[in-house]
Amino acid sequence: MWKQILTYFYLRKRDPNEPRNINIKFMHGMNRISLLMFLVAVIVMIIRLITK
């Protein structure tokens, strides 16, 4: 799981034997956006808890 997350954020090189097609590229793009939105939401929640 962590290897996949690092790959989404370009912190690890992709496996050259991994299949590549347009559907997989779109799936990875959507997953990347979802993870970024989740991290932003967690940061906002933490900031709101600290400032109350």
PDB file of N, CA and C in Angstrom:
ATOM      1  N   MET A   1       0.822  -1.191   0.000  1.00  0.00           N
ATOM      2  CA  MET A   1       0.000   0.000   0.000  1.00  0.00           C
ATOM      3  C   MET A   1       0.867   1.257   0.000  1.00  0.00           C
ATOM      4  N   TRP A   2       1.887   1.302   0.852  1.00  0.00           N
ATOM      5  CA  TRP A   2       2.731   2.504   0.926  1.00  0.00           C
ATOM      6  C   TRP A   2       3.508   2.721  -0.360  1.00  0.00           C
ATOM      7  N   LYS A   3       3.929   1.631  -1.001  1.00  0.00           N
ATOM      8  CA  LYS A   3       4.649   1.768  -2.270  1.00  0.00           C
ATOM      9  C   LYS A   3       3.750   2.420  -3.322  1.00  0.00           C
ATOM     10  N   GLN A   4       2.477   2.028  -3.335  1.00  0.00           N
ATOM     11  CA  GLN A   4       1.537   2.597  -4.304  1.00  0.00           C
ATOM     12  C   GLN A   4       1.316   4.085  -4.035  1.00  0.00           C
ATOM     13  N   ILE A   5       1.204   4.462  -2.771  1.00  0.00           N
ATOM     14  CA  ILE A   5       1.015   5.874  -2.422  1.00  0.00           C
ATOM     15  C   ILE A   5       2.237   6.681  -2.830  1.00  0.00           C
ATOM     16  N   LEU A   6       3.434   6.161  -2.574  1.00  0.00           N
ATOM     17  CA  LEU A   6       4.643   6.866  -2.982  1.00  0.00           C
ATOM     18  C   LEU A   6       4.717   7.002  -4.497  1.00  0.00           C
ATOM     19  N   THR A   7       4.235   6.008  -5.213  1.00  0.00           N
ATOM     20  CA  THR A   7       4.220   6.080  -6.671  1.00  0.00           C
ATOM     21  C   THR A   7       3.246   7.149  -7.141  1.00  0.00           C
ATOM     22  N   TYR A   8       2.082   7.269  -6.488  1.00  0.00           N
ATOM     23  CA  TYR A   8       1.104   8.290  -6.872  1.00  0.00           C
ATOM     24  C   TYR A   8       1.706   9.685  -6.780  1.00  0.00           C
ATOM     25  N   PHE A   9       2.483   9.919  -5.742  1.00  0.00           N
ATOM     26  CA  PHE A   9       3.058  11.242  -5.524  1.00  0.00           C
ATOM     27  C   PHE A   9       4.441  11.389  -6.136  1.00  0.00           C
ATOM     28  N   TYR A  10       4.816  10.466  -7.007  1.00  0.00           N
ATOM     29  CA  TYR A  10       6.081  10.516  -7.734  1.00  0.00           C
ATOM     30  C   TYR A  10       7.295  10.511  -6.808  1.00  0.00           C
ATOM     31  N   LEU A  11       7.198   9.871  -5.662  1.00  0.00           N
ATOM     32  CA  LEU A  11       8.325   9.763  -4.744  1.00  0.00           C
ATOM     33  C   LEU A  11       9.087   8.455  -4.958  1.00  0.00           C
ATOM     34  N   ARG A  12       8.567   7.613  -5.824  1.00  0.00           N
ATOM     35  CA  ARG A  12       9.198   6.337  -6.127  1.00  0.00           C
ATOM     36  C   ARG A  12       9.028   6.077  -7.622  1.00  0.00           C
ATOM     37  N   LYS A  13      10.035   5.469  -8.240  1.00  0.00           N
ATOM     38  CA  LYS A  13       9.948   5.175  -9.673  1.00  0.00           C
ATOM     39  C   LYS A  13       8.912   4.087  -9.924  1.00  0.00           C
ATOM     40  N   ARG A  14       8.253   4.192 -11.066  1.00  0.00           N
ATOM     41  CA  ARG A  14       7.269   3.181 -11.453  1.00  0.00           C
ATOM     42  C   ARG A  14       7.958   1.909 -11.903  1.00  0.00           C
ATOM     43  N   ASP A  15       7.262   0.809 -11.741  1.00  0.00           N
ATOM     44  CA  ASP A  15       7.757  -0.483 -12.204  1.00  0.00           C
ATOM     45  C   ASP A  15       7.698  -0.510 -13.731  1.00  0.00           C
ATOM     46  N   PRO A  16       8.808  -0.757 -14.416  1.00  0.00           N
ATOM     47  CA  PRO A  16       8.790  -0.752 -15.889  1.00  0.00           C
ATOM     48  C   PRO A  16       7.944  -1.880 -16.476  1.00  0.00           C
ATOM     49  N   ASN A  17       7.694  -2.937 -15.723  1.00  0.00           N
ATOM     50  CA  ASN A  17       6.886  -4.051 -16.211  1.00  0.00           C
ATOM     51  C   ASN A  17       5.391  -3.851 -15.964  1.00  0.00           C
ATOM     52  N   GLU A  18       5.044  -2.742 -15.310  1.00  0.00           N
ATOM     53  CA  GLU A  18       3.649  -2.460 -14.986  1.00  0.00           C
ATOM     54  C   GLU A  18       2.869  -2.135 -16.265  1.00  0.00           C
ATOM     55  N   PRO A  19       1.674  -2.703 -16.412  1.00  0.00           N
ATOM     56  CA  PRO A  19       0.893  -2.381 -17.627  1.00  0.00           C
ATOM     57  C   PRO A  19       0.474  -0.915 -17.625  1.00  0.00           C
ATOM     58  N   ARG A  20       0.515  -0.297 -18.803  1.00  0.00           N
ATOM     59  CA  ARG A  20       0.151   1.117 -18.912  1.00  0.00           C
ATOM     60  C   ARG A  20      -0.886   1.272 -20.013  1.00  0.00           C
ATOM     61  N   ASN A  21      -2.026   1.788 -19.640  1.00  0.00           N
ATOM     62  CA  ASN A  21      -3.008   2.196 -20.630  1.00  0.00           C
ATOM     63  C   ASN A  21      -3.731   3.421 -20.089  1.00  0.00           C
ATOM     64  N   ILE A  22      -4.595   3.999 -20.893  1.00  0.00           N
ATOM     65  CA  ILE A  22      -5.221   5.270 -20.523  1.00  0.00           C
ATOM     66  C   ILE A  22      -6.110   5.117 -19.288  1.00  0.00           C
ATOM     67  N   ASN A  23      -6.775   3.966 -19.138  1.00  0.00           N
ATOM     68  CA  ASN A  23      -7.640   3.768 -17.972  1.00  0.00           C
ATOM     69  C   ASN A  23      -6.849   3.752 -16.675  1.00  0.00           C
ATOM     70  N   ILE A  24      -5.697   3.114 -16.687  1.00  0.00           N
ATOM     71  CA  ILE A  24      -4.861   3.072 -15.484  1.00  0.00           C
ATOM     72  C   ILE A  24      -4.329   4.455 -15.167  1.00  0.00           C
ATOM     73  N   LYS A  25      -3.959   5.231 -16.195  1.00  0.00           N
ATOM     74  CA  LYS A  25      -3.478   6.600 -15.954  1.00  0.00           C
ATOM     75  C   LYS A  25      -4.568   7.450 -15.315  1.00  0.00           C
ATOM     76  N   PHE A  26      -5.806   7.338 -15.808  1.00  0.00           N
ATOM     77  CA  PHE A  26      -6.909   8.101 -15.225  1.00  0.00           C
ATOM     78  C   PHE A  26      -7.188   7.651 -13.795  1.00  0.00           C
ATOM     79  N   MET A  27      -7.129   6.354 -13.549  1.00  0.00           N
ATOM     80  CA  MET A  27      -7.365   5.830 -12.202  1.00  0.00           C
ATOM     81  C   MET A  27      -6.323   6.374 -11.228  1.00  0.00           C
ATOM     82  N   HIS A  28      -5.051   6.354 -11.631  1.00  0.00           N
ATOM     83  CA  HIS A  28      -4.003   6.874 -10.762  1.00  0.00           C
ATOM     84  C   HIS A  28      -4.171   8.377 -10.542  1.00  0.00           C
ATOM     85  N   GLY A  29      -4.573   9.093 -11.561  1.00  0.00           N
ATOM     86  CA  GLY A  29      -4.815  10.530 -11.415  1.00  0.00           C
ATOM     87  C   GLY A  29      -5.933  10.816 -10.429  1.00  0.00           C
ATOM     88  N   MET A  30      -7.019  10.075 -10.532  1.00  0.00           N
ATOM     89  CA  MET A  30      -8.136  10.270  -9.607  1.00  0.00           C
ATOM     90  C   MET A  30      -7.738   9.897  -8.181  1.00  0.00           C
ATOM     91  N   ASN A  31      -6.964   8.824  -8.034  1.00  0.00           N
ATOM     92  CA  ASN A  31      -6.504   8.435  -6.703  1.00  0.00           C
ATOM     93  C   ASN A  31      -5.587   9.501  -6.111  1.00  0.00           C
ATOM     94  N   ARG A  32      -4.735  10.084  -6.941  1.00  0.00           N
ATOM     95  CA  ARG A  32      -3.834  11.141  -6.479  1.00  0.00           C
ATOM     96  C   ARG A  32      -4.640  12.333  -5.975  1.00  0.00           C
ATOM     97  N   ILE A  33      -5.662  12.735  -6.730  1.00  0.00           N
ATOM     98  CA  ILE A  33      -6.512  13.862  -6.319  1.00  0.00           C
ATOM     99  C   ILE A  33      -7.229  13.530  -5.018  1.00  0.00           C
ATOM    100  N   SER A  34      -7.744  12.314  -4.901  1.00  0.00           N
ATOM    101  CA  SER A  34      -8.457  11.912  -3.683  1.00  0.00           C
ATOM    102  C   SER A  34      -7.551  11.949  -2.462  1.00  0.00           C
ATOM    103  N   LEU A  35      -6.335  11.448  -2.605  1.00  0.00           N
ATOM    104  CA  LEU A  35      -5.399  11.465  -1.476  1.00  0.00           C
ATOM    105  C   LEU A  35      -5.039  12.895  -1.079  1.00  0.00           C
ATOM    106  N   LEU A  36      -4.826  13.767  -2.053  1.00  0.00           N
ATOM    107  CA  LEU A  36      -4.505  15.159  -1.738  1.00  0.00           C
ATOM    108  C   LEU A  36      -5.666  15.840  -1.017  1.00  0.00           C
ATOM    109  N   MET A  37      -6.890  15.604  -1.489  1.00  0.00           N
ATOM    110  CA  MET A  37      -8.056  16.204  -0.838  1.00  0.00           C
ATOM    111  C   MET A  37      -8.211  15.680   0.586  1.00  0.00           C
ATOM    112  N   PHE A  38      -7.961  14.398   0.789  1.00  0.00           N
ATOM    113  CA  PHE A  38      -8.037  13.815   2.127  1.00  0.00           C
ATOM    114  C   PHE A  38      -7.015  14.448   3.054  1.00  0.00           C
ATOM    115  N   LEU A  39      -5.779  14.600   2.577  1.00  0.00           N
ATOM    116  CA  LEU A  39      -4.738  15.210   3.404  1.00  0.00           C
ATOM    117  C   LEU A  39      -5.074  16.658   3.748  1.00  0.00           C
ATOM    118  N   VAL A  40      -5.614  17.396   2.802  1.00  0.00           N
ATOM    119  CA  VAL A  40      -6.010  18.784   3.067  1.00  0.00           C
ATOM    120  C   VAL A  40      -7.115  18.811   4.122  1.00  0.00           C
ATOM    121  N   ALA A  41      -8.093  17.911   4.010  1.00  0.00           N
ATOM    122  CA  ALA A  41      -9.182  17.872   4.990  1.00  0.00           C
ATOM    123  C   ALA A  41      -8.665  17.534   6.385  1.00  0.00           C
ATOM    124  N   VAL A  42      -7.736  16.599   6.477  1.00  0.00           N
ATOM    125  CA  VAL A  42      -7.169  16.236   7.783  1.00  0.00           C
ATOM    126  C   VAL A  42      -6.413  17.425   8.369  1.00  0.00           C
ATOM    127  N   ILE A  43      -5.660  18.129   7.545  1.00  0.00           N
ATOM    128  CA  ILE A  43      -4.917  19.305   8.028  1.00  0.00           C
ATOM    129  C   ILE A  43      -5.877  20.375   8.507  1.00  0.00           C
ATOM    130  N   VAL A  44      -6.963  20.619   7.774  1.00  0.00           N
ATOM    131  CA  VAL A  44      -7.949  21.620   8.190  1.00  0.00           C
ATOM    132  C   VAL A  44      -8.588  21.210   9.514  1.00  0.00           C
ATOM    133  N   MET A  45      -8.921  19.935   9.670  1.00  0.00           N
ATOM    134  CA  MET A  45      -9.518  19.473  10.926  1.00  0.00           C
ATOM    135  C   MET A  45      -8.559  19.649  12.094  1.00  0.00           C
ATOM    136  N   ILE A  46      -7.293  19.365  11.886  1.00  0.00           N
ATOM    137  CA  ILE A  46      -6.293  19.524  12.945  1.00  0.00           C
ATOM    138  C   ILE A  46      -6.158  21.003  13.319  1.00  0.00           C
ATOM    139  N   ILE A  47      -6.133  21.875  12.332  1.00  0.00           N
ATOM    140  CA  ILE A  47      -6.011  23.307  12.598  1.00  0.00           C
ATOM    141  C   ILE A  47      -7.226  23.803  13.370  1.00  0.00           C
ATOM    142  N   ARG A  48      -8.418  23.334  13.001  1.00  0.00           N
ATOM    143  CA  ARG A  48      -9.627  23.757  13.723  1.00  0.00           C
ATOM    144  C   ARG A  48      -9.628  23.264  15.164  1.00  0.00           C
ATOM    145  N   LEU A  49      -9.105  22.063  15.393  1.00  0.00           N
ATOM    146  CA  LEU A  49      -9.033  21.552  16.756  1.00  0.00           C
ATOM    147  C   LEU A  49      -8.042  22.344  17.597  1.00  0.00           C
ATOM    148  N   ILE A  50      -6.939  22.746  16.997  1.00  0.00           N
ATOM    149  CA  ILE A  50      -5.926  23.479  17.731  1.00  0.00           C
ATOM    150  C   ILE A  50      -6.378  24.891  18.047  1.00  0.00           C
ATOM    151  N   THR A  51      -7.078  25.535  17.127  1.00  0.00           N
ATOM    152  CA  THR A  51      -7.437  26.947  17.331  1.00  0.00           C
ATOM    153  C   THR A  51      -8.675  27.140  18.188  1.00  0.00           C
ATOM    154  N   LYS A  52      -9.413  26.093  18.522  1.00  0.00           N
ATOM    155  CA  LYS A  52     -10.599  26.250  19.375  1.00  0.00           C
ATOM    156  C   LYS A  52     -10.236  26.372  20.818  1.00  0.00           C
TER     157      LYS A  52
END
